[in-house]
Amino acid sequence: LQAMSDNEQDWLALKPQEPSPFQCCGSGCKPCIYDVYEKELAQWERAKAMQDKSLLMGKKEQSNNSELNPDTFTAFSVSSVEQLTEDTYQYKFELPGNSSLRLSLGQHIVLRGMVNGLEVQRAYTPISPRNAEGYFEVLIKCYEAGLMSQYIKTWKRGDVVFWRGPFGGFPYQPNKHGELLMLASGTGLAPMIPILQSITDDEEDETFVTLVGCFPTFDKIYLKPLLQDLARYWNIRIYYVLSQETSLEKLPWSYQENTYTGRLNEDLMKTIVNSCRRKPFVLICGSSAFNEDMTRYLKAAGIEENSCFVF
């Protein structure tokens, strides 16, 4: 009997842990962490029924693999940390050799962090070009009270971090849409960057793009040099909407003509939509409140839901 209970305890120790709600990033990943859990649980039950622990070995091997995988977390090391604004950082991760993440446009990856013994997961979109070799970069805003932020703020060069993916994404095809209208709030800029870069890198792609970046103040605009470079292309226009600036006078003159103060409201949306050179297809990324507001304003401006994609 004693042997039986030792064996039972061995099996219990190997049983996969059910994820807590904190661990689901809520981005509709396929497979979701809950799907992965169901799969591992079924595998465990099968192994236990057959009393064969070797049936559980398969899933452990994958995590040593240095390639991104949707089912298991893979370790990547931090190669640099750059602070962009008071609460936003750009993190660079090493990829082995000259490998690339091979994400399709606007896809996100999921980060796993341990905070006070809790496992937390969040989704982020890499901002590095799709074909970047040997590295990838992620833009992350840290919140004062955020669980994941407490973990991320401790990162330094050489730390090892676990990611899985890719998930989601916008099925972009060159020249499919006459004009893309991108509405991004804060770090919602992230999925837009790879799409913009793929358009400017492809001489055959003549898609017009109007990017509207919403930030509280001028100082909080991320990636200014990159955005200024992109805005020089004939088919790219970039506007800024700064909710907490009251006057444009203090801004550098190169920003004054394409910046609005206050919020992106229904009237401003109509102005922007009407200024598009073709009827736009709209990409939206921000908080859920931002996404809902934008969808409502777009409808008022005559853009139907089937012409929108929300990240």
Protein backbone atom coordinates (compact mmCIF):
# COMPACT_ATOMS: atom_id res chain seq x y z
CA LEU A 1 0.00 0.00 0.00
CA GLN A 2 2.85 2.35 0.95
CA ALA A 3 4.44 1.89 -2.51
CA MET A 4 1.12 2.66 -4.10
CA SER A 5 0.82 6.01 -2.32
CA ASP A 6 4.42 7.00 -3.18
CA ASN A 7 3.64 6.22 -6.78
CA GLU A 8 0.40 8.23 -6.54
CA GLN A 9 2.38 11.18 -5.19
CA ASP A 10 4.92 10.90 -8.00
CA TRP A 11 2.09 11.07 -10.52
CA LEU A 12 0.46 13.99 -8.71
CA ALA A 13 3.75 15.90 -8.85
CA LEU A 14 3.82 15.36 -12.63
CA LYS A 15 0.21 16.48 -13.12
CA PRO A 16 -0.04 19.70 -15.17
CA GLN A 17 -1.21 22.73 -13.18
CA GLU A 18 -4.47 24.28 -14.26
CA PRO A 19 -3.80 27.88 -15.38
CA SER A 20 -5.13 30.72 -13.24
CA PRO A 21 -7.13 33.50 -14.95
CA PHE A 22 -4.01 35.73 -14.59
CA GLN A 23 -2.16 33.49 -16.99
CA CYS A 24 -4.53 33.95 -19.91
CA CYS A 25 -3.52 37.07 -21.84
CA GLY A 26 -7.06 37.46 -23.22
CA SER A 27 -5.91 37.98 -26.82
CA GLY A 28 -7.72 34.95 -28.24
CA CYS A 29 -4.50 32.97 -28.89
CA LYS A 30 -4.75 29.64 -30.71
CA PRO A 31 -3.78 27.57 -28.81
CA CYS A 32 -4.73 29.43 -25.63
CA ILE A 33 -2.89 28.45 -22.47
CA TYR A 34 -6.08 26.61 -21.47
CA ASP A 35 -5.92 24.56 -24.72
CA VAL A 36 -2.31 23.68 -23.92
CA TYR A 37 -3.36 22.65 -20.40
CA GLU A 38 -6.19 20.41 -21.71
CA LYS A 39 -3.74 18.74 -24.10
CA GLU A 40 -1.12 18.19 -21.38
CA LEU A 41 -3.76 16.92 -18.94
CA ALA A 42 -5.01 14.36 -21.49
CA GLN A 43 -1.39 13.30 -22.09
CA TRP A 44 -0.84 12.95 -18.32
CA GLU A 45 -4.05 10.94 -17.85
CA ARG A 46 -3.05 8.60 -20.67
CA ALA A 47 0.47 8.15 -19.24
CA LYS A 48 -0.90 7.53 -15.73
CA ALA A 49 -3.44 4.97 -16.98
CA MET A 50 -0.58 3.11 -18.68
CA GLN A 51 1.81 3.78 -15.76
CA ASP A 52 4.39 4.96 -18.31
CA LYS A 53 6.19 8.22 -17.42
CA SER A 54 8.18 8.19 -20.65
CA LEU A 55 4.97 9.32 -22.41
CA LEU A 56 5.40 12.68 -20.66
CA MET A 57 8.94 13.32 -21.87
CA GLY A 58 7.98 14.73 -25.26
CA LYS A 59 6.71 18.05 -24.05
CA LYS A 60 9.78 18.81 -21.93
CA GLU A 61 12.19 18.59 -24.87
CA GLN A 62 10.60 21.37 -26.89
CA SER A 63 11.43 24.11 -24.44
CA ASN A 64 15.17 23.68 -25.05
CA ASN A 65 14.57 24.32 -28.70
CA SER A 66 15.56 27.89 -29.58
CA GLU A 67 12.67 28.43 -31.99
CA LEU A 68 9.46 30.21 -31.10
CA ASN A 69 6.61 27.75 -30.66
CA PRO A 70 2.90 28.36 -29.99
CA ASP A 71 2.54 25.41 -27.60
CA THR A 72 5.55 25.76 -25.31
CA PHE A 73 7.58 28.63 -23.93
CA THR A 74 11.07 29.16 -25.33
CA ALA A 75 13.88 31.01 -23.55
CA PHE A 76 15.38 34.14 -25.18
CA SER A 77 17.98 36.39 -23.63
CA VAL A 78 17.72 40.16 -23.30
CA SER A 79 20.49 41.85 -25.31
CA SER A 80 19.58 45.49 -24.61
CA VAL A 81 17.17 47.69 -22.68
CA GLU A 82 16.39 51.22 -23.86
CA GLN A 83 14.13 53.60 -21.99
CA LEU A 84 12.01 55.61 -24.45
CA THR A 85 9.79 57.63 -22.11
CA GLU A 86 9.29 57.67 -18.35
CA ASP A 87 7.30 54.43 -18.45
CA THR A 88 8.03 52.84 -21.83
CA TYR A 89 10.97 50.67 -22.81
CA GLN A 90 12.29 49.00 -25.92
CA TYR A 91 13.73 45.55 -25.27
CA LYS A 92 15.94 43.68 -27.70
CA PHE A 93 16.21 39.88 -27.58
CA GLU A 94 18.83 37.63 -29.12
CA LEU A 95 17.92 34.99 -31.69
CA PRO A 96 20.40 32.17 -32.29
CA GLY A 97 22.66 32.58 -35.33
CA ASN A 98 21.02 34.66 -38.06
CA SER A 99 17.59 33.20 -37.45
CA SER A 100 14.49 35.36 -37.61
CA LEU A 101 11.16 35.11 -35.76
CA ARG A 102 9.31 34.71 -39.08
CA LEU A 103 6.14 36.36 -37.84
CA SER A 104 3.47 37.39 -40.26
CA LEU A 105 2.47 41.04 -40.05
CA GLY A 106 1.11 42.36 -36.78
CA GLN A 107 1.35 39.00 -35.02
CA HIS A 108 1.88 38.99 -31.26
CA ILE A 109 3.84 36.75 -28.93
CA VAL A 110 3.04 35.89 -25.32
CA LEU A 111 5.38 36.57 -22.42
CA ARG A 112 5.38 34.51 -19.24
CA GLY A 113 6.44 36.12 -15.97
CA MET A 114 6.57 34.99 -12.36
CA VAL A 115 5.46 37.64 -9.88
CA ASN A 116 5.13 36.89 -6.14
CA GLY A 117 4.77 33.22 -7.00
CA LEU A 118 1.99 33.94 -9.51
CA GLU A 119 2.50 33.07 -13.16
CA VAL A 120 1.27 35.91 -15.39
CA GLN A 121 1.02 36.04 -19.18
CA ARG A 122 0.68 39.04 -21.48
CA ALA A 123 0.70 39.52 -25.23
CA TYR A 124 3.08 41.96 -27.00
CA THR A 125 3.74 42.67 -30.66
CA PRO A 126 7.38 42.78 -31.82
CA ILE A 127 8.22 46.06 -33.59
CA SER A 128 11.36 44.79 -35.33
CA PRO A 129 11.16 44.28 -39.13
CA ARG A 130 9.80 40.85 -40.06
CA ASN A 131 13.05 39.85 -41.73
CA ALA A 132 15.28 41.06 -38.85
CA GLU A 133 18.00 38.45 -38.35
CA GLY A 134 19.56 37.47 -35.04
CA TYR A 135 17.23 39.61 -32.89
CA PHE A 136 13.71 40.85 -32.25
CA GLU A 137 12.49 43.96 -30.39
CA VAL A 138 9.43 44.61 -28.26
CA LEU A 139 7.93 47.90 -27.05
CA ILE A 140 6.51 47.64 -23.52
CA LYS A 141 4.75 50.18 -21.34
CA CYS A 142 5.21 49.51 -17.63
CA TYR A 143 2.34 50.37 -15.31
CA GLU A 144 2.92 51.35 -11.70
CA ALA A 145 0.61 48.66 -10.31
CA GLY A 146 0.90 46.14 -13.15
CA LEU A 147 1.88 42.63 -12.09
CA MET A 148 3.78 41.93 -15.30
CA SER A 149 5.37 45.40 -15.19
CA GLN A 150 6.94 44.63 -11.80
CA TYR A 151 8.64 41.65 -13.41
CA ILE A 152 9.64 43.44 -16.64
CA LYS A 153 11.19 46.38 -14.76
CA THR A 154 13.79 44.02 -13.26
CA TRP A 155 15.12 42.94 -16.69
CA LYS A 156 18.70 43.69 -17.55
CA ARG A 157 21.06 42.60 -20.28
CA GLY A 158 21.69 38.86 -20.24
CA ASP A 159 18.47 37.95 -18.42
CA VAL A 160 16.53 35.02 -19.85
CA VAL A 161 12.85 35.51 -20.63
CA PHE A 162 10.22 33.04 -21.86
CA TRP A 163 8.01 33.65 -24.91
CA ARG A 164 5.60 31.56 -26.98
CA GLY A 165 3.76 32.25 -30.21
CA PRO A 166 3.15 33.60 -32.75
CA PHE A 167 -0.58 34.38 -32.61
CA GLY A 168 -3.10 36.61 -34.34
CA GLY A 169 -1.91 39.08 -36.92
CA PHE A 170 -3.51 40.97 -39.78
CA PRO A 171 -3.45 39.09 -43.10
CA TYR A 172 -1.88 41.97 -45.02
CA GLN A 173 -1.48 41.68 -48.79
CA PRO A 174 0.36 44.32 -50.84
CA ASN A 175 -1.93 46.56 -52.91
CA LYS A 176 -5.09 44.83 -51.66
CA HIS A 177 -6.37 48.03 -50.03
CA GLY A 178 -6.10 51.44 -51.65
CA GLU A 179 -5.43 53.09 -48.31
CA LEU A 180 -4.84 51.85 -44.79
CA LEU A 181 -5.92 54.13 -41.96
CA MET A 182 -4.05 53.10 -38.81
CA LEU A 183 -5.43 54.31 -35.47
CA ALA A 184 -2.99 53.60 -32.65
CA SER A 185 -3.05 54.64 -29.02
CA GLY A 186 0.25 54.48 -27.12
CA THR A 187 1.93 51.09 -27.47
CA GLY A 188 -0.89 50.19 -29.90
CA LEU A 189 1.68 51.56 -32.35
CA ALA A 190 3.52 48.21 -32.13
CA PRO A 191 1.55 46.09 -34.63
CA MET A 192 1.43 49.01 -37.11
CA ILE A 193 5.22 49.36 -37.40
CA PRO A 194 5.99 46.03 -39.16
CA ILE A 195 3.13 46.63 -41.63
CA LEU A 196 4.39 50.15 -42.39
CA GLN A 197 7.92 48.86 -42.88
CA SER A 198 6.82 46.08 -45.19
CA ILE A 199 5.01 48.68 -47.35
CA THR A 200 7.98 51.06 -47.52
CA ASP A 201 10.40 48.17 -48.19
CA ASP A 202 8.38 46.92 -51.17
CA GLU A 203 8.72 49.17 -54.22
CA GLU A 204 5.80 47.40 -55.88
CA ASP A 205 3.46 48.15 -52.96
CA GLU A 206 1.62 51.40 -53.65
CA THR A 207 -0.76 51.29 -50.70
CA PHE A 208 -1.38 54.71 -49.15
CA VAL A 209 -1.13 54.81 -45.36
CA THR A 210 -2.46 57.36 -42.89
CA LEU A 211 -1.21 56.61 -39.39
CA VAL A 212 -2.83 58.46 -36.49
CA GLY A 213 -0.85 58.08 -33.24
CA CYS A 214 -2.64 59.11 -30.04
CA PHE A 215 -0.45 60.06 -27.08
CA PRO A 216 -0.93 62.24 -23.98
CA THR A 217 1.92 64.69 -24.74
CA PHE A 218 4.65 65.28 -27.32
CA ASP A 219 7.29 63.78 -24.98
CA LYS A 220 5.32 60.55 -24.81
CA ILE A 221 5.42 59.85 -28.55
CA TYR A 222 7.44 56.67 -29.05
CA LEU A 223 9.96 55.97 -31.81
CA LYS A 224 10.00 59.52 -33.18
CA PRO A 225 13.08 59.05 -35.41
CA LEU A 226 11.60 55.91 -36.99
CA LEU A 227 8.22 57.57 -37.56
CA GLN A 228 9.85 60.69 -39.04
CA ASP A 229 11.77 58.46 -41.49
CA LEU A 230 8.61 56.62 -42.51
CA ALA A 231 6.73 59.89 -43.00
CA ARG A 232 9.21 60.86 -45.74
CA TYR A 233 7.80 58.19 -48.09
CA TRP A 234 5.42 59.52 -50.75
CA ASN A 235 2.59 57.20 -49.68
CA ILE A 236 2.83 57.56 -45.88
CA ARG A 237 1.21 60.31 -43.80
CA ILE A 238 1.52 60.46 -40.04
CA TYR A 239 -0.67 62.53 -37.72
CA TYR A 240 -0.38 62.88 -33.96
CA VAL A 241 -3.27 63.54 -31.58
CA LEU A 242 -2.01 64.76 -28.19
CA SER A 243 -4.76 64.67 -25.57
CA GLN A 244 -2.96 66.68 -22.87
CA GLU A 245 -1.25 69.36 -24.99
CA THR A 246 -3.14 72.63 -25.18
CA SER A 247 -1.06 74.46 -27.79
CA LEU A 248 1.15 73.51 -30.73
CA GLU A 249 3.50 76.49 -30.27
CA LYS A 250 6.04 74.63 -28.12
CA LEU A 251 6.30 71.74 -30.58
CA PRO A 252 9.13 71.56 -33.15
CA TRP A 253 7.88 73.22 -36.34
CA SER A 254 8.18 69.96 -38.28
CA TYR A 255 5.41 68.51 -36.10
CA GLN A 256 3.08 71.49 -36.00
CA GLU A 257 1.20 70.96 -39.24
CA ASN A 258 0.42 67.27 -38.65
CA THR A 259 -0.47 67.37 -34.94
CA TYR A 260 -3.84 67.94 -33.28
CA THR A 261 -4.39 68.80 -29.61
CA GLY A 262 -7.18 67.33 -27.53
CA ARG A 263 -8.81 63.96 -28.12
CA LEU A 264 -9.48 62.05 -31.30
CA ASN A 265 -13.24 62.62 -31.36
CA GLU A 266 -16.01 62.09 -33.91
CA ASP A 267 -15.43 65.41 -35.73
CA LEU A 268 -11.68 64.89 -36.06
CA MET A 269 -12.30 61.33 -37.27
CA LYS A 270 -14.57 62.64 -40.05
CA THR A 271 -11.89 65.16 -41.06
CA ILE A 272 -9.23 62.45 -41.20
CA VAL A 273 -11.41 59.94 -43.08
CA ASN A 274 -12.40 62.62 -45.59
CA SER A 275 -8.75 63.53 -46.15
CA CYS A 276 -7.88 59.93 -47.12
CA ARG A 277 -7.04 59.60 -50.79
CA ARG A 278 -9.12 56.43 -51.18
CA LYS A 279 -11.80 54.81 -49.05
CA PRO A 280 -9.67 53.41 -46.23
CA PHE A 281 -9.46 50.00 -44.63
CA VAL A 282 -8.91 50.72 -40.91
CA LEU A 283 -6.55 49.04 -38.44
CA ILE A 284 -7.17 49.84 -34.76
CA CYS A 285 -5.00 49.08 -31.73
CA GLY A 286 -5.27 50.48 -28.22
CA SER A 287 -7.12 49.88 -24.98
CA SER A 288 -10.56 48.28 -25.23
CA ALA A 289 -12.15 51.68 -24.52
CA PHE A 290 -10.11 53.28 -27.34
CA ASN A 291 -11.03 50.47 -29.75
CA GLU A 292 -14.75 50.85 -28.96
CA ASP A 293 -14.66 54.64 -29.34
CA MET A 294 -12.81 54.43 -32.66
CA THR A 295 -15.25 51.86 -34.07
CA ARG A 296 -18.14 54.16 -33.11
CA TYR A 297 -16.56 57.29 -34.62
CA LEU A 298 -15.68 55.42 -37.81
CA LYS A 299 -19.27 54.30 -38.19
CA ALA A 300 -20.38 57.92 -37.87
CA ALA A 301 -17.82 58.77 -40.58
CA GLY A 302 -19.33 56.16 -42.90
CA ILE A 303 -16.83 53.32 -42.39
CA GLU A 304 -18.54 49.97 -41.83
CA GLU A 305 -17.28 47.30 -39.46
CA ASN A 306 -16.27 44.98 -42.29
CA SER A 307 -13.72 47.62 -43.30
CA CYS A 308 -12.02 47.53 -39.88
CA PHE A 309 -9.59 45.19 -38.16
CA VAL A 310 -9.00 45.46 -34.41
CA PHE A 311 -5.76 44.03 -32.99
